[in-house]
Amino acid sequence: MTLFDEVVEQIDGAVHWLGLSCLVESKDFADKTVDITPIAKLRNQLLRRPAGQGERI
């Protein structure tokens, strides 16, 4: 996406799965250390959620 002739955002791909469509953006952190704490917290919160009662999309 451009804004005033400058690239401000790039979408890296799209995923379509079981009726769910998502745009994907990735970052290159090969030269940096990334703190995984926020991802671990989100994972733990999702694991504590009760299982769904069937799929309703």
PDB file of N, CA and C in Angstrom:
ATOM      1  N   MET A   1       0.842  -1.158   0.000  1.00  0.00           N
ATOM      2  CA  MET A   1       0.000   0.000   0.000  1.00  0.00           C
ATOM      3  C   MET A   1       0.893   1.228   0.000  1.00  0.00           C
ATOM      4  N   THR A   2       0.532   2.185  -0.810  1.00  0.00           N
ATOM      5  CA  THR A   2       1.323   3.410  -0.858  1.00  0.00           C
ATOM      6  C   THR A   2       0.517   4.579  -0.307  1.00  0.00           C
ATOM      7  N   LEU A   3       1.225   5.525   0.253  1.00  0.00           N
ATOM      8  CA  LEU A   3       0.640   6.756   0.767  1.00  0.00           C
ATOM      9  C   LEU A   3       1.581   7.879   0.389  1.00  0.00           C
ATOM     10  N   PHE A   4       1.108   8.793  -0.428  1.00  0.00           N
ATOM     11  CA  PHE A   4       1.938   9.893  -0.920  1.00  0.00           C
ATOM     12  C   PHE A   4       3.196   9.363  -1.606  1.00  0.00           C
ATOM     13  N   ASP A   5       3.022   8.366  -2.470  1.00  0.00           N
ATOM     14  CA  ASP A   5       4.103   7.754  -3.257  1.00  0.00           C
ATOM     15  C   ASP A   5       5.162   7.061  -2.409  1.00  0.00           C
ATOM     16  N   GLU A   6       4.840   6.691  -1.187  1.00  0.00           N
ATOM     17  CA  GLU A   6       5.769   5.965  -0.320  1.00  0.00           C
ATOM     18  C   GLU A   6       5.103   4.670   0.142  1.00  0.00           C
ATOM     19  N   VAL A   7       5.844   3.550   0.066  1.00  0.00           N
ATOM     20  CA  VAL A   7       5.307   2.271   0.517  1.00  0.00           C
ATOM     21  C   VAL A   7       5.206   2.306   2.036  1.00  0.00           C
ATOM     22  N   VAL A   8       3.986   2.111   2.554  1.00  0.00           N
ATOM     23  CA  VAL A   8       3.787   2.142   4.002  1.00  0.00           C
ATOM     24  C   VAL A   8       3.397   0.781   4.563  1.00  0.00           C
ATOM     25  N   GLU A   9       2.947  -0.119   3.713  1.00  0.00           N
ATOM     26  CA  GLU A   9       2.529  -1.435   4.194  1.00  0.00           C
ATOM     27  C   GLU A   9       2.610  -2.423   3.050  1.00  0.00           C
ATOM     28  N   GLN A  10       3.032  -3.649   3.358  1.00  0.00           N
ATOM     29  CA  GLN A  10       3.059  -4.714   2.366  1.00  0.00           C
ATOM     30  C   GLN A  10       2.438  -5.956   2.981  1.00  0.00           C
ATOM     31  N   ILE A  11       1.534  -6.573   2.253  1.00  0.00           N
ATOM     32  CA  ILE A  11       0.927  -7.828   2.681  1.00  0.00           C
ATOM     33  C   ILE A  11       1.766  -8.951   2.086  1.00  0.00           C
ATOM     34  N   ASP A  12       2.192  -9.895   2.935  1.00  0.00           N
ATOM     35  CA  ASP A  12       3.080 -10.964   2.488  1.00  0.00           C
ATOM     36  C   ASP A  12       2.344 -12.176   1.939  1.00  0.00           C
ATOM     37  N   GLY A  13       1.071 -12.307   2.255  1.00  0.00           N
ATOM     38  CA  GLY A  13       0.346 -13.452   1.739  1.00  0.00           C
ATOM     39  C   GLY A  13      -1.066 -13.496   2.284  1.00  0.00           C
ATOM     40  N   ALA A  14      -1.769 -14.548   1.909  1.00  0.00           N
ATOM     41  CA  ALA A  14      -3.132 -14.762   2.380  1.00  0.00           C
ATOM     42  C   ALA A  14      -3.307 -16.239   2.682  1.00  0.00           C
ATOM     43  N   VAL A  15      -4.123 -16.534   3.677  1.00  0.00           N
ATOM     44  CA  VAL A  15      -4.420 -17.911   4.059  1.00  0.00           C
ATOM     45  C   VAL A  15      -5.933 -18.080   4.020  1.00  0.00           C
ATOM     46  N   HIS A  16      -6.386 -19.132   3.361  1.00  0.00           N
ATOM     47  CA  HIS A  16      -7.806 -19.474   3.319  1.00  0.00           C
ATOM     48  C   HIS A  16      -7.931 -20.877   3.893  1.00  0.00           C
ATOM     49  N   TRP A  17      -8.711 -21.028   4.981  1.00  0.00           N
ATOM     50  CA  TRP A  17      -8.823 -22.330   5.633  1.00  0.00           C
ATOM     51  C   TRP A  17     -10.205 -22.464   6.245  1.00  0.00           C
ATOM     52  N   LEU A  18     -10.942 -23.457   5.839  1.00  0.00           N
ATOM     53  CA  LEU A  18     -12.273 -23.754   6.375  1.00  0.00           C
ATOM     54  C   LEU A  18     -13.168 -22.521   6.447  1.00  0.00           C
ATOM     55  N   GLY A  19     -13.185 -21.742   5.393  1.00  0.00           N
ATOM     56  CA  GLY A  19     -14.039 -20.568   5.351  1.00  0.00           C
ATOM     57  C   GLY A  19     -13.478 -19.342   6.036  1.00  0.00           C
ATOM     58  N   LEU A  20     -12.301 -19.439   6.617  1.00  0.00           N
ATOM     59  CA  LEU A  20     -11.653 -18.305   7.275  1.00  0.00           C
ATOM     60  C   LEU A  20     -10.557 -17.776   6.368  1.00  0.00           C
ATOM     61  N   SER A  21     -10.586 -16.497   6.083  1.00  0.00           N
ATOM     62  CA  SER A  21      -9.566 -15.874   5.237  1.00  0.00           C
ATOM     63  C   SER A  21      -8.787 -14.854   6.048  1.00  0.00           C
ATOM     64  N   CYS A  22      -7.451 -14.910   5.973  1.00  0.00           N
ATOM     65  CA  CYS A  22      -6.587 -14.012   6.745  1.00  0.00           C
ATOM     66  C   CYS A  22      -5.487 -13.463   5.851  1.00  0.00           C
ATOM     67  N   LEU A  23      -5.179 -12.186   6.043  1.00  0.00           N
ATOM     68  CA  LEU A  23      -4.010 -11.599   5.400  1.00  0.00           C
ATOM     69  C   LEU A  23      -2.825 -11.799   6.323  1.00  0.00           C
ATOM     70  N   VAL A  24      -1.654 -12.072   5.749  1.00  0.00           N
ATOM     71  CA  VAL A  24      -0.475 -12.410   6.543  1.00  0.00           C
ATOM     72  C   VAL A  24       0.625 -11.390   6.291  1.00  0.00           C
ATOM     73  N   GLU A  25       1.229 -10.941   7.371  1.00  0.00           N
ATOM     74  CA  GLU A  25       2.396 -10.064   7.281  1.00  0.00           C
ATOM     75  C   GLU A  25       3.484 -10.683   8.144  1.00  0.00           C
ATOM     76  N   SER A  26       4.702 -10.688   7.652  1.00  0.00           N
ATOM     77  CA  SER A  26       5.803 -11.260   8.425  1.00  0.00           C
ATOM     78  C   SER A  26       6.909 -10.232   8.588  1.00  0.00           C
ATOM     79  N   LYS A  27       7.710 -10.431   9.606  1.00  0.00           N
ATOM     80  CA  LYS A  27       8.841  -9.545   9.885  1.00  0.00           C
ATOM     81  C   LYS A  27      10.114 -10.383   9.918  1.00  0.00           C
ATOM     82  N   ASP A  28      11.216  -9.797   9.526  1.00  0.00           N
ATOM     83  CA  ASP A  28      12.511 -10.471   9.556  1.00  0.00           C
ATOM     84  C   ASP A  28      13.275 -10.011  10.793  1.00  0.00           C
ATOM     85  N   PHE A  29      13.370 -10.902  11.773  1.00  0.00           N
ATOM     86  CA  PHE A  29      14.087 -10.587  13.003  1.00  0.00           C
ATOM     87  C   PHE A  29      15.329 -11.459  13.152  1.00  0.00           C
ATOM     88  N   ALA A  30      15.929 -11.859  12.039  1.00  0.00           N
ATOM     89  CA  ALA A  30      17.085 -12.747  12.089  1.00  0.00           C
ATOM     90  C   ALA A  30      18.259 -12.117  12.829  1.00  0.00           C
ATOM     91  N   ASP A  31      18.352 -10.795  12.795  1.00  0.00           N
ATOM     92  CA  ASP A  31      19.487 -10.127  13.431  1.00  0.00           C
ATOM     93  C   ASP A  31      19.156  -9.570  14.815  1.00  0.00           C
ATOM     94  N   LYS A  32      17.971  -9.916  15.356  1.00  0.00           N
ATOM     95  CA  LYS A  32      17.551  -9.382  16.652  1.00  0.00           C
ATOM     96  C   LYS A  32      17.032 -10.498  17.545  1.00  0.00           C
ATOM     97  N   THR A  33      17.065 -10.267  18.836  1.00  0.00           N
ATOM     98  CA  THR A  33      16.451 -11.180  19.791  1.00  0.00           C
ATOM     99  C   THR A  33      15.007 -10.732  20.005  1.00  0.00           C
ATOM    100  N   VAL A  34      14.072 -11.666  19.904  1.00  0.00           N
ATOM    101  CA  VAL A  34      12.659 -11.345  20.033  1.00  0.00           C
ATOM    102  C   VAL A  34      12.137 -11.906  21.347  1.00  0.00           C
ATOM    103  N   ASP A  35      11.442 -11.066  22.115  1.00  0.00           N
ATOM    104  CA  ASP A  35      10.832 -11.491  23.375  1.00  0.00           C
ATOM    105  C   ASP A  35       9.545 -12.252  23.055  1.00  0.00           C
ATOM    106  N   ILE A  36       9.482 -13.523  23.439  1.00  0.00           N
ATOM    107  CA  ILE A  36       8.308 -14.333  23.134  1.00  0.00           C
ATOM    108  C   ILE A  36       7.259 -14.280  24.235  1.00  0.00           C
ATOM    109  N   THR A  37       7.468 -13.469  25.263  1.00  0.00           N
ATOM    110  CA  THR A  37       6.527 -13.400  26.380  1.00  0.00           C
ATOM    111  C   THR A  37       5.101 -13.073  25.930  1.00  0.00           C
ATOM    112  N   PRO A  38       4.867 -12.064  25.079  1.00  0.00           N
ATOM    113  CA  PRO A  38       3.483 -11.790  24.663  1.00  0.00           C
ATOM    114  C   PRO A  38       2.830 -12.964  23.935  1.00  0.00           C
ATOM    115  N   ILE A  39       3.601 -13.672  23.124  1.00  0.00           N
ATOM    116  CA  ILE A  39       3.058 -14.829  22.406  1.00  0.00           C
ATOM    117  C   ILE A  39       2.746 -15.951  23.387  1.00  0.00           C
ATOM    118  N   ALA A  40       3.619 -16.176  24.355  1.00  0.00           N
ATOM    119  CA  ALA A  40       3.389 -17.216  25.357  1.00  0.00           C
ATOM    120  C   ALA A  40       2.156 -16.901  26.197  1.00  0.00           C
ATOM    121  N   LYS A  41       1.966 -15.629  26.560  1.00  0.00           N
ATOM    122  CA  LYS A  41       0.777 -15.239  27.334  1.00  0.00           C
ATOM    123  C   LYS A  41      -0.496 -15.484  26.541  1.00  0.00           C
ATOM    124  N   LEU A  42      -0.490 -15.118  25.255  1.00  0.00           N
ATOM    125  CA  LEU A  42      -1.658 -15.349  24.410  1.00  0.00           C
ATOM    126  C   LEU A  42      -1.947 -16.835  24.287  1.00  0.00           C
ATOM    127  N   ARG A  43      -0.918 -17.632  24.085  1.00  0.00           N
ATOM    128  CA  ARG A  43      -1.087 -19.088  23.986  1.00  0.00           C
ATOM    129  C   ARG A  43      -1.712 -19.648  25.250  1.00  0.00           C
ATOM    130  N   ASN A  44      -1.203 -19.226  26.411  1.00  0.00           N
ATOM    131  CA  ASN A  44      -1.732 -19.724  27.679  1.00  0.00           C
ATOM    132  C   ASN A  44      -3.183 -19.308  27.889  1.00  0.00           C
ATOM    133  N   GLN A  45      -3.535 -18.093  27.495  1.00  0.00           N
ATOM    134  CA  GLN A  45      -4.927 -17.650  27.613  1.00  0.00           C
ATOM    135  C   GLN A  45      -5.836 -18.487  26.722  1.00  0.00           C
ATOM    136  N   LEU A  46      -5.382 -18.774  25.511  1.00  0.00           N
ATOM    137  CA  LEU A  46      -6.191 -19.575  24.596  1.00  0.00           C
ATOM    138  C   LEU A  46      -6.353 -21.001  25.098  1.00  0.00           C
ATOM    139  N   LEU A  47      -5.320 -21.554  25.722  1.00  0.00           N
ATOM    140  CA  LEU A  47      -5.411 -22.914  26.249  1.00  0.00           C
ATOM    141  C   LEU A  47      -6.374 -23.008  27.424  1.00  0.00           C
ATOM    142  N   ARG A  48      -6.585 -21.911  28.151  1.00  0.00           N
ATOM    143  CA  ARG A  48      -7.501 -21.912  29.300  1.00  0.00           C
ATOM    144  C   ARG A  48      -8.962 -21.774  28.884  1.00  0.00           C
ATOM    145  N   ARG A  49      -9.207 -21.372  27.648  1.00  0.00           N
ATOM    146  CA  ARG A  49     -10.588 -21.193  27.193  1.00  0.00           C
ATOM    147  C   ARG A  49     -11.272 -22.545  27.051  1.00  0.00           C
ATOM    148  N   PRO A  50     -12.562 -22.595  27.365  1.00  0.00           N
ATOM    149  CA  PRO A  50     -13.285 -23.864  27.180  1.00  0.00           C
ATOM    150  C   PRO A  50     -13.407 -24.199  25.699  1.00  0.00           C
ATOM    151  N   ALA A  51     -13.496 -25.480  25.414  1.00  0.00           N
ATOM    152  CA  ALA A  51     -13.636 -25.928  24.028  1.00  0.00           C
ATOM    153  C   ALA A  51     -14.962 -25.441  23.462  1.00  0.00           C
ATOM    154  N   GLY A  52     -14.993 -25.159  22.169  1.00  0.00           N
ATOM    155  CA  GLY A  52     -16.215 -24.699  21.515  1.00  0.00           C
ATOM    156  C   GLY A  52     -17.239 -25.815  21.403  1.00  0.00           C
ATOM    157  N   GLN A  53     -18.482 -25.423  21.243  1.00  0.00           N
ATOM    158  CA  GLN A  53     -19.577 -26.381  21.092  1.00  0.00           C
ATOM    159  C   GLN A  53     -19.932 -26.500  19.616  1.00  0.00           C
ATOM    160  N   GLY A  54     -19.046 -27.047  18.830  1.00  0.00           N
ATOM    161  CA  GLY A  54     -19.272 -27.184  17.394  1.00  0.00           C
ATOM    162  C   GLY A  54     -18.842 -25.928  16.664  1.00  0.00           C
ATOM    163  N   GLU A  55     -18.691 -26.048  15.370  1.00  0.00           N
ATOM    164  CA  GLU A  55     -18.253 -24.905  14.569  1.00  0.00           C
ATOM    165  C   GLU A  55     -19.457 -24.133  14.075  1.00  0.00           C
ATOM    166  N   ARG A  56     -19.433 -22.834  14.283  1.00  0.00           N
ATOM    167  CA  ARG A  56     -20.480 -21.949  13.776  1.00  0.00           C
ATOM    168  C   ARG A  56     -19.785 -20.795  13.081  1.00  0.00           C
ATOM    169  N   ILE A  57     -19.679 -20.894  11.762  1.00  0.00           N
ATOM    170  CA  ILE A  57     -19.007 -19.835  11.002  1.00  0.00           C
ATOM    171  C   ILE A  57     -19.996 -19.209  10.055  1.00  0.00           C
TER     172      ILE A  57
END
